[in-house]
């Protein structure tokens, strides 16, 4: 994915980098990797953690503190990508679905889900 974050003196960090990091940490031992601990706990636990982080992001956004929103959003993205890894869903598949949806308005897309 082309979303990048500049790092001083290095190439920008991307969501693809995070996907690769999660995949690498998935092969580590649980005592060395929080990611491995989450994956070992299973999709329901990962989903719960993702939900907790999403709620914390909403609370931060309601408070209007940009630094808190940024930190919580980073947690949401990380936990979403771990959830995708645990569910066997590739980020590229999610991006492809987003691309498919952009071919129509958001209102039309939502209406098509109800049909």
C-alpha atoms as a PDB file:
ATOM      1  CA  UNK A   1       0.000   0.000   0.000  1.00  0.00           C
ATOM      2  CA  UNK A   2       1.338   3.426  -0.874  1.00  0.00           C
ATOM      3  CA  UNK A   3       0.553   5.165   2.430  1.00  0.00           C
ATOM      4  CA  UNK A   4       3.938   6.218   3.761  1.00  0.00           C
ATOM      5  CA  UNK A   5       5.311   7.873   6.839  1.00  0.00           C
ATOM      6  CA  UNK A   6       8.666   9.651   6.513  1.00  0.00           C
ATOM      7  CA  UNK A   7      11.468   8.533   8.787  1.00  0.00           C
ATOM      8  CA  UNK A   8      14.570  10.645   9.201  1.00  0.00           C
ATOM      9  CA  UNK A   9      17.366   9.413   6.962  1.00  0.00           C
ATOM     10  CA  UNK A  10      15.498   6.297   5.841  1.00  0.00           C
ATOM     11  CA  UNK A  11      12.949   5.358   3.241  1.00  0.00           C
ATOM     12  CA  UNK A  12       9.375   5.954   4.389  1.00  0.00           C
ATOM     13  CA  UNK A  13       7.656   3.291   6.500  1.00  0.00           C
ATOM     14  CA  UNK A  14       4.607   1.793   4.775  1.00  0.00           C
ATOM     15  CA  UNK A  15       1.665  -0.384   5.730  1.00  0.00           C
ATOM     16  CA  UNK A  16       3.292  -3.096   3.606  1.00  0.00           C
ATOM     17  CA  UNK A  17       6.332  -2.810   5.891  1.00  0.00           C
ATOM     18  CA  UNK A  18       4.063  -3.342   8.886  1.00  0.00           C
ATOM     19  CA  UNK A  19       2.425  -6.351   7.211  1.00  0.00           C
ATOM     20  CA  UNK A  20       5.877  -7.853   6.619  1.00  0.00           C
ATOM     21  CA  UNK A  21       6.940  -7.100  10.192  1.00  0.00           C
ATOM     22  CA  UNK A  22       3.819  -8.795  11.556  1.00  0.00           C
ATOM     23  CA  UNK A  23       4.440 -11.825   9.332  1.00  0.00           C
ATOM     24  CA  UNK A  24       8.032 -12.044  10.568  1.00  0.00           C
ATOM     25  CA  UNK A  25       7.019 -11.696  14.207  1.00  0.00           C
ATOM     26  CA  UNK A  26       4.370 -14.365  13.696  1.00  0.00           C
ATOM     27  CA  UNK A  27       7.240 -16.840  13.356  1.00  0.00           C
ATOM     28  CA  UNK A  28       8.888 -15.762  16.630  1.00  0.00           C
ATOM     29  CA  UNK A  29       8.270 -17.316  20.011  1.00  0.00           C
ATOM     30  CA  UNK A  30       5.522 -15.945  22.231  1.00  0.00           C
ATOM     31  CA  UNK A  31       8.017 -14.874  24.890  1.00  0.00           C
ATOM     32  CA  UNK A  32       9.763 -12.684  22.291  1.00  0.00           C
ATOM     33  CA  UNK A  33       6.783 -11.349  20.334  1.00  0.00           C
ATOM     34  CA  UNK A  34       3.533  -9.654  21.339  1.00  0.00           C
ATOM     35  CA  UNK A  35       2.294 -10.364  17.813  1.00  0.00           C
ATOM     36  CA  UNK A  36       2.897 -14.102  18.287  1.00  0.00           C
ATOM     37  CA  UNK A  37       1.072 -13.930  21.649  1.00  0.00           C
ATOM     38  CA  UNK A  38      -1.958 -12.378  19.961  1.00  0.00           C
ATOM     39  CA  UNK A  39      -1.938 -14.901  17.126  1.00  0.00           C
ATOM     40  CA  UNK A  40      -1.631 -17.774  19.599  1.00  0.00           C
ATOM     41  CA  UNK A  41      -4.674 -16.453  21.469  1.00  0.00           C
ATOM     42  CA  UNK A  42      -6.751 -16.724  18.291  1.00  0.00           C
ATOM     43  CA  UNK A  43      -8.951 -14.537  16.147  1.00  0.00           C
ATOM     44  CA  UNK A  44     -11.602 -13.886  18.833  1.00  0.00           C
ATOM     45  CA  UNK A  45      -8.964 -12.420  21.173  1.00  0.00           C
ATOM     46  CA  UNK A  46      -7.375 -10.395  18.376  1.00  0.00           C
ATOM     47  CA  UNK A  47     -10.810  -9.097  17.370  1.00  0.00           C
ATOM     48  CA  UNK A  48     -11.531  -8.097  20.964  1.00  0.00           C
ATOM     49  CA  UNK A  49      -8.226  -6.222  21.188  1.00  0.00           C
ATOM     50  CA  UNK A  50      -8.922  -4.521  17.839  1.00  0.00           C
ATOM     51  CA  UNK A  51     -12.329  -3.436  19.152  1.00  0.00           C
ATOM     52  CA  UNK A  52     -10.790  -2.062  22.349  1.00  0.00           C
ATOM     53  CA  UNK A  53      -8.296  -0.035  20.333  1.00  0.00           C
ATOM     54  CA  UNK A  54     -11.050   1.250  18.034  1.00  0.00           C
ATOM     55  CA  UNK A  55     -13.059   2.447  21.041  1.00  0.00           C
ATOM     56  CA  UNK A  56      -9.966   4.138  22.490  1.00  0.00           C
ATOM     57  CA  UNK A  57      -9.501   5.895  19.143  1.00  0.00           C
ATOM     58  CA  UNK A  58     -13.089   7.132  19.211  1.00  0.00           C
ATOM     59  CA  UNK A  59     -12.636   8.428  22.761  1.00  0.00           C
ATOM     60  CA  UNK A  60      -9.399  10.180  21.779  1.00  0.00           C
ATOM     61  CA  UNK A  61     -11.098  11.743  18.759  1.00  0.00           C
ATOM     62  CA  UNK A  62     -13.971  12.978  20.897  1.00  0.00           C
ATOM     63  CA  UNK A  63     -11.406  14.596  23.192  1.00  0.00           C
ATOM     64  CA  UNK A  64      -9.794  16.402  20.285  1.00  0.00           C
ATOM     65  CA  UNK A  65      -6.198  15.562  21.217  1.00  0.00           C
ATOM     66  CA  UNK A  66      -4.348  14.973  17.939  1.00  0.00           C
ATOM     67  CA  UNK A  67      -1.412  13.184  19.590  1.00  0.00           C
ATOM     68  CA  UNK A  68      -3.758  10.735  21.333  1.00  0.00           C
ATOM     69  CA  UNK A  69      -5.748  10.158  18.139  1.00  0.00           C
ATOM     70  CA  UNK A  70      -2.505   9.500  16.278  1.00  0.00           C
ATOM     71  CA  UNK A  71      -1.259   7.006  18.872  1.00  0.00           C
ATOM     72  CA  UNK A  72      -4.581   5.196  19.106  1.00  0.00           C
ATOM     73  CA  UNK A  73      -4.991   5.100  15.322  1.00  0.00           C
ATOM     74  CA  UNK A  74      -1.567   3.462  15.095  1.00  0.00           C
ATOM     75  CA  UNK A  75      -2.766   0.831  17.575  1.00  0.00           C
ATOM     76  CA  UNK A  76      -5.911   0.282  15.478  1.00  0.00           C
ATOM     77  CA  UNK A  77      -3.916  -0.198  12.279  1.00  0.00           C
ATOM     78  CA  UNK A  78      -1.509  -2.617  13.954  1.00  0.00           C
ATOM     79  CA  UNK A  79      -4.271  -4.695  15.525  1.00  0.00           C
ATOM     80  CA  UNK A  80      -6.295  -4.688  12.284  1.00  0.00           C
ATOM     81  CA  UNK A  81      -3.290  -6.044  10.394  1.00  0.00           C
ATOM     82  CA  UNK A  82      -2.743  -8.724  13.046  1.00  0.00           C
ATOM     83  CA  UNK A  83      -6.443  -9.601  12.745  1.00  0.00           C
ATOM     84  CA  UNK A  84      -6.062  -9.905   8.984  1.00  0.00           C
ATOM     85  CA  UNK A  85      -2.974 -12.113   9.454  1.00  0.00           C
ATOM     86  CA  UNK A  86      -4.818 -14.334  11.913  1.00  0.00           C
ATOM     87  CA  UNK A  87      -7.811 -14.547   9.582  1.00  0.00           C
ATOM     88  CA  UNK A  88      -5.731 -15.375   6.526  1.00  0.00           C
ATOM     89  CA  UNK A  89      -6.787 -12.197   4.709  1.00  0.00           C
ATOM     90  CA  UNK A  90      -4.171 -10.280   2.738  1.00  0.00           C
ATOM     91  CA  UNK A  91      -4.034  -6.496   2.987  1.00  0.00           C
ATOM     92  CA  UNK A  92      -3.903  -6.456  -0.817  1.00  0.00           C
ATOM     93  CA  UNK A  93      -7.346  -8.109  -0.870  1.00  0.00           C
ATOM     94  CA  UNK A  94      -8.728  -5.363   1.368  1.00  0.00           C
ATOM     95  CA  UNK A  95      -7.156  -2.692  -0.840  1.00  0.00           C
ATOM     96  CA  UNK A  96      -8.626  -4.390  -3.929  1.00  0.00           C
ATOM     97  CA  UNK A  97     -12.063  -4.325  -2.297  1.00  0.00           C
ATOM     98  CA  UNK A  98     -11.655  -0.617  -1.572  1.00  0.00           C
ATOM     99  CA  UNK A  99     -10.695  -0.063  -5.181  1.00  0.00           C
ATOM    100  CA  UNK A 100     -13.766  -1.964  -6.350  1.00  0.00           C
ATOM    101  CA  UNK A 101     -15.963   0.191  -4.137  1.00  0.00           C
ATOM    102  CA  UNK A 102     -14.543   3.458  -5.471  1.00  0.00           C
ATOM    103  CA  UNK A 103     -16.133   2.717  -8.833  1.00  0.00           C
ATOM    104  CA  UNK A 104     -19.439   3.872  -7.356  1.00  0.00           C
ATOM    105  CA  UNK A 105     -20.563   6.423  -4.814  1.00  0.00           C
ATOM    106  CA  UNK A 106     -20.485   5.467  -1.153  1.00  0.00           C
ATOM    107  CA  UNK A 107     -24.257   5.837  -0.975  1.00  0.00           C
ATOM    108  CA  UNK A 108     -24.755   3.479  -3.927  1.00  0.00           C
ATOM    109  CA  UNK A 109     -22.280   0.999  -2.454  1.00  0.00           C
ATOM    110  CA  UNK A 110     -24.092   0.952   0.905  1.00  0.00           C
ATOM    111  CA  UNK A 111     -27.448   0.496  -0.839  1.00  0.00           C
ATOM    112  CA  UNK A 112     -26.064  -2.463  -2.809  1.00  0.00           C
ATOM    113  CA  UNK A 113     -25.142  -4.222   0.451  1.00  0.00           C
ATOM    114  CA  UNK A 114     -28.765  -4.118   1.600  1.00  0.00           C
ATOM    115  CA  UNK A 115     -30.055  -5.673  -1.616  1.00  0.00           C
END
